[in-house]
Structure formats: structure tokens, C-alpha cells
Amino acid sequence: GLMHVAAAVGTPIVAVYGSTSPHNTPPLAEQRELVWLGLSCSPCHRKICPLGHLNCLNTLEVAQVAAATERLLEMPAAA
């Protein structure tokens, strides 16, 4: 929800996806970076992992999100 509100007002976004998919619900912002592992079990769109491991988020590295943030910061500002 809030990611989409931020996109609507032009805020640059780093969107982190776990059980959902950036293909189904991307932020409609020009300045965005999407972080998603795209595991074979995702997207399941479940709040509780049906496989009991939550690897879509647990194996996501902080460095991946940091790199996405750096790429976003390097983008020219939207006019």
C-alpha cells in the first residue's frame, strides 16, 4: 500500500518483494529499483510460507538491497 502511495507522489522507491511479484504489483514510479529473488516457489502471495521456510525473504541479502539503493541514488532526479 504505502509503496504505491509513495510512487503516486513521485518518491524514489526501493521495493523489496518476498511472496509477491514485481510483475504483478510494481510501483508505478519512474525512479525505482526492484529487489526480488524470483525463487521457484514464488510468488505464492501467502502471508505465511506454505513450505515453512520463508526463503524469499530469509535468503535476501542486505547487500542486494543496499546495491539497489545505490543504483537508485545514482539515477538522475525526475523532472
PDB file of N, CA and C in Angstrom:
ATOM      1  N   GLY A   1       0.790  -1.198   0.000  1.00  0.00           N
ATOM      2  CA  GLY A   1       0.000   0.000   0.000  1.00  0.00           C
ATOM      3  C   GLY A   1       0.839   1.274   0.000  1.00  0.00           C
ATOM      4  N   LEU A   2       1.702   1.420   0.983  1.00  0.00           N
ATOM      5  CA  LEU A   2       2.467   2.664   1.105  1.00  0.00           C
ATOM      6  C   LEU A   2       3.454   2.840  -0.040  1.00  0.00           C
ATOM      7  N   MET A   3       3.965   1.751  -0.590  1.00  0.00           N
ATOM      8  CA  MET A   3       4.857   1.848  -1.742  1.00  0.00           C
ATOM      9  C   MET A   3       4.121   2.523  -2.896  1.00  0.00           C
ATOM     10  N   HIS A   4       2.871   2.168  -3.091  1.00  0.00           N
ATOM     11  CA  HIS A   4       2.094   2.728  -4.186  1.00  0.00           C
ATOM     12  C   HIS A   4       1.727   4.193  -3.927  1.00  0.00           C
ATOM     13  N   VAL A   5       1.484   4.538  -2.676  1.00  0.00           N
ATOM     14  CA  VAL A   5       1.234   5.939  -2.326  1.00  0.00           C
ATOM     15  C   VAL A   5       2.492   6.758  -2.586  1.00  0.00           C
ATOM     16  N   ALA A   6       3.647   6.243  -2.183  1.00  0.00           N
ATOM     17  CA  ALA A   6       4.915   6.942  -2.419  1.00  0.00           C
ATOM     18  C   ALA A   6       5.149   7.127  -3.913  1.00  0.00           C
ATOM     19  N   ALA A   7       4.870   6.098  -4.698  1.00  0.00           N
ATOM     20  CA  ALA A   7       5.037   6.197  -6.154  1.00  0.00           C
ATOM     21  C   ALA A   7       4.104   7.252  -6.736  1.00  0.00           C
ATOM     22  N   ALA A   8       2.901   7.334  -6.215  1.00  0.00           N
ATOM     23  CA  ALA A   8       1.915   8.281  -6.731  1.00  0.00           C
ATOM     24  C   ALA A   8       2.340   9.729  -6.533  1.00  0.00           C
ATOM     25  N   VAL A   9       3.131   9.990  -5.501  1.00  0.00           N
ATOM     26  CA  VAL A   9       3.582  11.356  -5.248  1.00  0.00           C
ATOM     27  C   VAL A   9       5.013  11.592  -5.723  1.00  0.00           C
ATOM     28  N   GLY A  10       5.572  10.632  -6.476  1.00  0.00           N
ATOM     29  CA  GLY A  10       6.873  10.826  -7.107  1.00  0.00           C
ATOM     30  C   GLY A  10       8.083  10.528  -6.252  1.00  0.00           C
ATOM     31  N   THR A  11       7.914   9.774  -5.191  1.00  0.00           N
ATOM     32  CA  THR A  11       9.036   9.434  -4.327  1.00  0.00           C
ATOM     33  C   THR A  11       9.854   8.302  -4.937  1.00  0.00           C
ATOM     34  N   PRO A  12      11.183   8.427  -5.010  1.00  0.00           N
ATOM     35  CA  PRO A  12      12.008   7.303  -5.468  1.00  0.00           C
ATOM     36  C   PRO A  12      11.827   6.110  -4.521  1.00  0.00           C
ATOM     37  N   ILE A  13      11.794   4.894  -5.083  1.00  0.00           N
ATOM     38  CA  ILE A  13      11.435   3.714  -4.296  1.00  0.00           C
ATOM     39  C   ILE A  13      12.398   2.561  -4.533  1.00  0.00           C
ATOM     40  N   VAL A  14      12.806   1.933  -3.436  1.00  0.00           N
ATOM     41  CA  VAL A  14      13.420   0.611  -3.493  1.00  0.00           C
ATOM     42  C   VAL A  14      12.347  -0.330  -2.966  1.00  0.00           C
ATOM     43  N   ALA A  15      11.810  -1.168  -3.845  1.00  0.00           N
ATOM     44  CA  ALA A  15      10.728  -2.075  -3.469  1.00  0.00           C
ATOM     45  C   ALA A  15      11.289  -3.485  -3.279  1.00  0.00           C
ATOM     46  N   VAL A  16      11.050  -4.048  -2.096  1.00  0.00           N
ATOM     47  CA  VAL A  16      11.516  -5.385  -1.769  1.00  0.00           C
ATOM     48  C   VAL A  16      10.320  -6.331  -1.817  1.00  0.00           C
ATOM     49  N   TYR A  17      10.455  -7.384  -2.620  1.00  0.00           N
ATOM     50  CA  TYR A  17       9.386  -8.361  -2.781  1.00  0.00           C
ATOM     51  C   TYR A  17       9.811  -9.692  -2.195  1.00  0.00           C
ATOM     52  N   GLY A  18       8.897 -10.336  -1.507  1.00  0.00           N
ATOM     53  CA  GLY A  18       9.126 -11.678  -0.976  1.00  0.00           C
ATOM     54  C   GLY A  18       8.161 -12.635  -1.625  1.00  0.00           C
ATOM     55  N   SER A  19       6.986 -12.800  -1.018  1.00  0.00           N
ATOM     56  CA  SER A  19       5.994 -13.749  -1.533  1.00  0.00           C
ATOM     57  C   SER A  19       5.146 -13.170  -2.664  1.00  0.00           C
ATOM     58  N   THR A  20       5.343 -11.906  -2.963  1.00  0.00           N
ATOM     59  CA  THR A  20       4.623 -11.285  -4.074  1.00  0.00           C
ATOM     60  C   THR A  20       5.576 -11.098  -5.249  1.00  0.00           C
ATOM     61  N   SER A  21       5.070 -10.539  -6.327  1.00  0.00           N
ATOM     62  CA  SER A  21       5.878 -10.415  -7.532  1.00  0.00           C
ATOM     63  C   SER A  21       5.895  -8.990  -8.052  1.00  0.00           C
ATOM     64  N   PRO A  22       7.064  -8.508  -8.459  1.00  0.00           N
ATOM     65  CA  PRO A  22       7.112  -7.182  -9.066  1.00  0.00           C
ATOM     66  C   PRO A  22       6.431  -7.165 -10.432  1.00  0.00           C
ATOM     67  N   HIS A  23       6.188  -8.332 -11.003  1.00  0.00           N
ATOM     68  CA  HIS A  23       5.486  -8.393 -12.288  1.00  0.00           C
ATOM     69  C   HIS A  23       3.993  -8.110 -12.123  1.00  0.00           C
ATOM     70  N   ASN A  24       3.451  -8.460 -10.959  1.00  0.00           N
ATOM     71  CA  ASN A  24       2.017  -8.284 -10.704  1.00  0.00           C
ATOM     72  C   ASN A  24       1.691  -6.942 -10.056  1.00  0.00           C
ATOM     73  N   THR A  25       2.555  -6.466  -9.186  1.00  0.00           N
ATOM     74  CA  THR A  25       2.248  -5.267  -8.405  1.00  0.00           C
ATOM     75  C   THR A  25       3.428  -4.309  -8.332  1.00  0.00           C
ATOM     76  N   PRO A  26       3.965  -3.862  -9.469  1.00  0.00           N
ATOM     77  CA  PRO A  26       5.131  -2.960  -9.400  1.00  0.00           C
ATOM     78  C   PRO A  26       4.715  -1.559  -8.981  1.00  0.00           C
ATOM     79  N   PRO A  27       5.638  -0.827  -8.356  1.00  0.00           N
ATOM     80  CA  PRO A  27       5.349   0.577  -8.089  1.00  0.00           C
ATOM     81  C   PRO A  27       5.402   1.340  -9.416  1.00  0.00           C
ATOM     82  N   LEU A  28       4.440   2.188  -9.641  1.00  0.00           N
ATOM     83  CA  LEU A  28       4.384   2.951 -10.890  1.00  0.00           C
ATOM     84  C   LEU A  28       5.139   4.259 -10.711  1.00  0.00           C
ATOM     85  N   ALA A  29       6.444   4.119 -10.522  1.00  0.00           N
ATOM     86  CA  ALA A  29       7.331   5.263 -10.324  1.00  0.00           C
ATOM     87  C   ALA A  29       8.449   5.193 -11.358  1.00  0.00           C
ATOM     88  N   GLU A  30       8.876   6.353 -11.819  1.00  0.00           N
ATOM     89  CA  GLU A  30       9.995   6.380 -12.769  1.00  0.00           C
ATOM     90  C   GLU A  30      11.304   5.999 -12.087  1.00  0.00           C
ATOM     91  N   GLN A  31      11.494   6.489 -10.884  1.00  0.00           N
ATOM     92  CA  GLN A  31      12.719   6.205 -10.140  1.00  0.00           C
ATOM     93  C   GLN A  31      12.430   5.075  -9.167  1.00  0.00           C
ATOM     94  N   ARG A  32      12.805   3.875  -9.586  1.00  0.00           N
ATOM     95  CA  ARG A  32      12.540   2.711  -8.743  1.00  0.00           C
ATOM     96  C   ARG A  32      13.587   1.651  -8.978  1.00  0.00           C
ATOM     97  N   GLU A  33      13.801   0.859  -7.961  1.00  0.00           N
ATOM     98  CA  GLU A  33      14.634  -0.331  -8.026  1.00  0.00           C
ATOM     99  C   GLU A  33      13.832  -1.448  -7.378  1.00  0.00           C
ATOM    100  N   LEU A  34      13.784  -2.581  -8.053  1.00  0.00           N
ATOM    101  CA  LEU A  34      13.025  -3.720  -7.560  1.00  0.00           C
ATOM    102  C   LEU A  34      13.979  -4.808  -7.103  1.00  0.00           C
ATOM    103  N   VAL A  35      13.753  -5.321  -5.898  1.00  0.00           N
ATOM    104  CA  VAL A  35      14.587  -6.379  -5.341  1.00  0.00           C
ATOM    105  C   VAL A  35      13.690  -7.594  -5.122  1.00  0.00           C
ATOM    106  N   TRP A  36      14.020  -8.672  -5.830  1.00  0.00           N
ATOM    107  CA  TRP A  36      13.215  -9.891  -5.765  1.00  0.00           C
ATOM    108  C   TRP A  36      14.085 -11.064  -6.140  1.00  0.00           C
ATOM    109  N   LEU A  37      14.014 -12.140  -5.396  1.00  0.00           N
ATOM    110  CA  LEU A  37      14.836 -13.305  -5.682  1.00  0.00           C
ATOM    111  C   LEU A  37      14.249 -14.177  -6.777  1.00  0.00           C
ATOM    112  N   GLY A  38      12.950 -14.147  -6.970  1.00  0.00           N
ATOM    113  CA  GLY A  38      12.318 -14.945  -8.012  1.00  0.00           C
ATOM    114  C   GLY A  38      12.550 -16.441  -7.835  1.00  0.00           C
ATOM    115  N   LEU A  39      12.399 -16.925  -6.624  1.00  0.00           N
ATOM    116  CA  LEU A  39      12.607 -18.347  -6.341  1.00  0.00           C
ATOM    117  C   LEU A  39      11.556 -19.201  -7.046  1.00  0.00           C
ATOM    118  N   SER A  40      11.830 -20.479  -7.169  1.00  0.00           N
ATOM    119  CA  SER A  40      10.888 -21.375  -7.848  1.00  0.00           C
ATOM    120  C   SER A  40       9.552 -21.466  -7.121  1.00  0.00           C
ATOM    121  N   CYS A  41       9.533 -21.169  -5.831  1.00  0.00           N
ATOM    122  CA  CYS A  41       8.298 -21.239  -5.055  1.00  0.00           C
ATOM    123  C   CYS A  41       7.560 -19.894  -5.001  1.00  0.00           C
ATOM    124  N   SER A  42       8.100 -18.887  -5.643  1.00  0.00           N
ATOM    125  CA  SER A  42       7.451 -17.583  -5.587  1.00  0.00           C
ATOM    126  C   SER A  42       7.037 -17.128  -6.974  1.00  0.00           C
ATOM    127  N   PRO A  43       6.024 -16.322  -7.080  1.00  0.00           N
ATOM    128  CA  PRO A  43       5.268 -15.760  -5.971  1.00  0.00           C
ATOM    129  C   PRO A  43       4.152 -16.694  -5.517  1.00  0.00           C
ATOM    130  N   CYS A  44       4.011 -16.838  -4.228  1.00  0.00           N
ATOM    131  CA  CYS A  44       2.906 -17.636  -3.679  1.00  0.00           C
ATOM    132  C   CYS A  44       1.808 -16.729  -3.136  1.00  0.00           C
ATOM    133  N   HIS A  45       2.153 -15.457  -2.874  1.00  0.00           N
ATOM    134  CA  HIS A  45       1.211 -14.460  -2.363  1.00  0.00           C
ATOM    135  C   HIS A  45       0.617 -14.838  -1.011  1.00  0.00           C
ATOM    136  N   ARG A  46       1.352 -15.591  -0.221  1.00  0.00           N
ATOM    137  CA  ARG A  46       0.887 -16.000   1.105  1.00  0.00           C
ATOM    138  C   ARG A  46       1.593 -15.192   2.181  1.00  0.00           C
ATOM    139  N   LYS A  47       0.890 -14.906   3.260  1.00  0.00           N
ATOM    140  CA  LYS A  47       1.494 -14.208   4.397  1.00  0.00           C
ATOM    141  C   LYS A  47       2.314 -15.163   5.247  1.00  0.00           C
ATOM    142  N   ILE A  48       1.910 -16.448   5.258  1.00  0.00           N
ATOM    143  CA  ILE A  48       2.644 -17.483   5.978  1.00  0.00           C
ATOM    144  C   ILE A  48       3.150 -18.469   4.933  1.00  0.00           C
ATOM    145  N   CYS A  49       4.445 -18.748   4.954  1.00  0.00           N
ATOM    146  CA  CYS A  49       5.058 -19.609   3.952  1.00  0.00           C
ATOM    147  C   CYS A  49       4.460 -21.012   3.993  1.00  0.00           C
ATOM    148  N   PRO A  50       3.862 -21.467   2.888  1.00  0.00           N
ATOM    149  CA  PRO A  50       3.294 -22.815   2.877  1.00  0.00           C
ATOM    150  C   PRO A  50       4.358 -23.917   2.933  1.00  0.00           C
ATOM    151  N   LEU A  51       5.607 -23.569   2.658  1.00  0.00           N
ATOM    152  CA  LEU A  51       6.699 -24.544   2.732  1.00  0.00           C
ATOM    153  C   LEU A  51       7.461 -24.463   4.054  1.00  0.00           C
ATOM    154  N   GLY A  52       7.125 -23.475   4.870  1.00  0.00           N
ATOM    155  CA  GLY A  52       7.723 -23.352   6.199  1.00  0.00           C
ATOM    156  C   GLY A  52       9.118 -22.780   6.251  1.00  0.00           C
ATOM    157  N   HIS A  53       9.609 -22.164   5.156  1.00  0.00           N
ATOM    158  CA  HIS A  53      10.984 -21.662   5.209  1.00  0.00           C
ATOM    159  C   HIS A  53      11.113 -20.158   4.968  1.00  0.00           C
ATOM    160  N   LEU A  54      10.207 -19.536   4.296  1.00  0.00           N
ATOM    161  CA  LEU A  54      10.236 -18.102   4.003  1.00  0.00           C
ATOM    162  C   LEU A  54      11.554 -17.676   3.339  1.00  0.00           C
ATOM    163  N   ASN A  55      12.087 -18.545   2.489  1.00  0.00           N
ATOM    164  CA  ASN A  55      13.362 -18.258   1.819  1.00  0.00           C
ATOM    165  C   ASN A  55      13.304 -17.024   0.934  1.00  0.00           C
ATOM    166  N   CYS A  56      12.125 -16.673   0.461  1.00  0.00           N
ATOM    167  CA  CYS A  56      12.002 -15.498  -0.403  1.00  0.00           C
ATOM    168  C   CYS A  56      12.453 -14.226   0.309  1.00  0.00           C
ATOM    169  N   LEU A  57      12.399 -14.219   1.629  1.00  0.00           N
ATOM    170  CA  LEU A  57      12.896 -13.073   2.400  1.00  0.00           C
ATOM    171  C   LEU A  57      14.131 -13.434   3.220  1.00  0.00           C
ATOM    172  N   ASN A  58      14.155 -14.628   3.786  1.00  0.00           N
ATOM    173  CA  ASN A  58      15.284 -15.008   4.644  1.00  0.00           C
ATOM    174  C   ASN A  58      16.609 -15.117   3.908  1.00  0.00           C
ATOM    175  N   THR A  59      16.581 -15.408   2.623  1.00  0.00           N
ATOM    176  CA  THR A  59      17.839 -15.523   1.883  1.00  0.00           C
ATOM    177  C   THR A  59      18.168 -14.252   1.101  1.00  0.00           C
ATOM    178  N   LEU A  60      17.336 -13.253   1.228  1.00  0.00           N
ATOM    179  CA  LEU A  60      17.606 -11.960   0.602  1.00  0.00           C
ATOM    180  C   LEU A  60      18.696 -11.264   1.409  1.00  0.00           C
ATOM    181  N   GLU A  61      19.755 -10.896   0.741  1.00  0.00           N
ATOM    182  CA  GLU A  61      20.900 -10.294   1.422  1.00  0.00           C
ATOM    183  C   GLU A  61      20.738  -8.780   1.558  1.00  0.00           C
ATOM    184  N   VAL A  62      21.192  -8.247   2.668  1.00  0.00           N
ATOM    185  CA  VAL A  62      21.193  -6.802   2.874  1.00  0.00           C
ATOM    186  C   VAL A  62      21.969  -6.120   1.756  1.00  0.00           C
ATOM    187  N   ALA A  63      23.029  -6.758   1.299  1.00  0.00           N
ATOM    188  CA  ALA A  63      23.852  -6.185   0.231  1.00  0.00           C
ATOM    189  C   ALA A  63      23.051  -5.989  -1.056  1.00  0.00           C
ATOM    190  N   GLN A  64      22.083  -6.866  -1.321  1.00  0.00           N
ATOM    191  CA  GLN A  64      21.255  -6.719  -2.516  1.00  0.00           C
ATOM    192  C   GLN A  64      20.382  -5.464  -2.426  1.00  0.00           C
ATOM    193  N   VAL A  65      19.827  -5.233  -1.261  1.00  0.00           N
ATOM    194  CA  VAL A  65      19.000  -4.044  -1.053  1.00  0.00           C
ATOM    195  C   VAL A  65      19.880  -2.795  -1.061  1.00  0.00           C
ATOM    196  N   ALA A  66      21.047  -2.875  -0.455  1.00  0.00           N
ATOM    197  CA  ALA A  66      21.981  -1.743  -0.453  1.00  0.00           C
ATOM    198  C   ALA A  66      22.417  -1.400  -1.871  1.00  0.00           C
ATOM    199  N   ALA A  67      22.688  -2.408  -2.692  1.00  0.00           N
ATOM    200  CA  ALA A  67      23.089  -2.160  -4.078  1.00  0.00           C
ATOM    201  C   ALA A  67      21.956  -1.501  -4.858  1.00  0.00           C
ATOM    202  N   ALA A  68      20.733  -1.941  -4.624  1.00  0.00           N
ATOM    203  CA  ALA A  68      19.583  -1.322  -5.284  1.00  0.00           C
ATOM    204  C   ALA A  68      19.439   0.134  -4.858  1.00  0.00           C
ATOM    205  N   THR A  69      19.688   0.397  -3.593  1.00  0.00           N
ATOM    206  CA  THR A  69      19.617   1.767  -3.077  1.00  0.00           C
ATOM    207  C   THR A  69      20.688   2.635  -3.732  1.00  0.00           C
ATOM    208  N   GLU A  70      21.884   2.089  -3.865  1.00  0.00           N
ATOM    209  CA  GLU A  70      22.973   2.834  -4.517  1.00  0.00           C
ATOM    210  C   GLU A  70      22.615   3.144  -5.971  1.00  0.00           C
ATOM    211  N   ARG A  71      22.058   2.171  -6.686  1.00  0.00           N
ATOM    212  CA  ARG A  71      21.659   2.410  -8.077  1.00  0.00           C
ATOM    213  C   ARG A  71      20.589   3.514  -8.154  1.00  0.00           C
ATOM    214  N   LEU A  72      19.668   3.479  -7.214  1.00  0.00           N
ATOM    215  CA  LEU A  72      18.608   4.488  -7.190  1.00  0.00           C
ATOM    216  C   LEU A  72      19.195   5.873  -6.924  1.00  0.00           C
ATOM    217  N   LEU A  73      20.141   5.957  -6.024  1.00  0.00           N
ATOM    218  CA  LEU A  73      20.760   7.236  -5.703  1.00  0.00           C
ATOM    219  C   LEU A  73      21.573   7.794  -6.872  1.00  0.00           C
ATOM    220  N   GLU A  74      22.041   6.911  -7.748  1.00  0.00           N
ATOM    221  CA  GLU A  74      22.816   7.346  -8.909  1.00  0.00           C
ATOM    222  C   GLU A  74      21.935   7.823 -10.071  1.00  0.00           C
ATOM    223  N   MET A  75      20.636   7.533  -9.999  1.00  0.00           N
ATOM    224  CA  MET A  75      19.721   7.949 -11.072  1.00  0.00           C
ATOM    225  C   MET A  75      19.554   9.452 -11.054  1.00  0.00           C
ATOM    226  N   PRO A  76      19.464  10.064 -12.234  1.00  0.00           N
ATOM    227  CA  PRO A  76      19.175  11.493 -12.259  1.00  0.00           C
ATOM    228  C   PRO A  76      17.785  11.776 -11.692  1.00  0.00           C
ATOM    229  N   ALA A  77      17.649  12.903 -11.047  1.00  0.00           N
ATOM    230  CA  ALA A  77      16.359  13.266 -10.443  1.00  0.00           C
ATOM    231  C   ALA A  77      15.302  13.431 -11.535  1.00  0.00           C
ATOM    232  N   ALA A  78      14.098  13.017 -11.213  1.00  0.00           N
ATOM    233  CA  ALA A  78      12.975  13.148 -12.158  1.00  0.00           C
ATOM    234  C   ALA A  78      12.613  14.625 -12.277  1.00  0.00           C
ATOM    235  N   ALA A  79      12.224  15.006 -13.472  1.00  0.00           N
ATOM    236  CA  ALA A  79      11.868  16.409 -13.706  1.00  0.00           C
ATOM    237  C   ALA A  79      10.467  16.715 -13.253  1.00  0.00           C
TER     238      ALA A  79
END
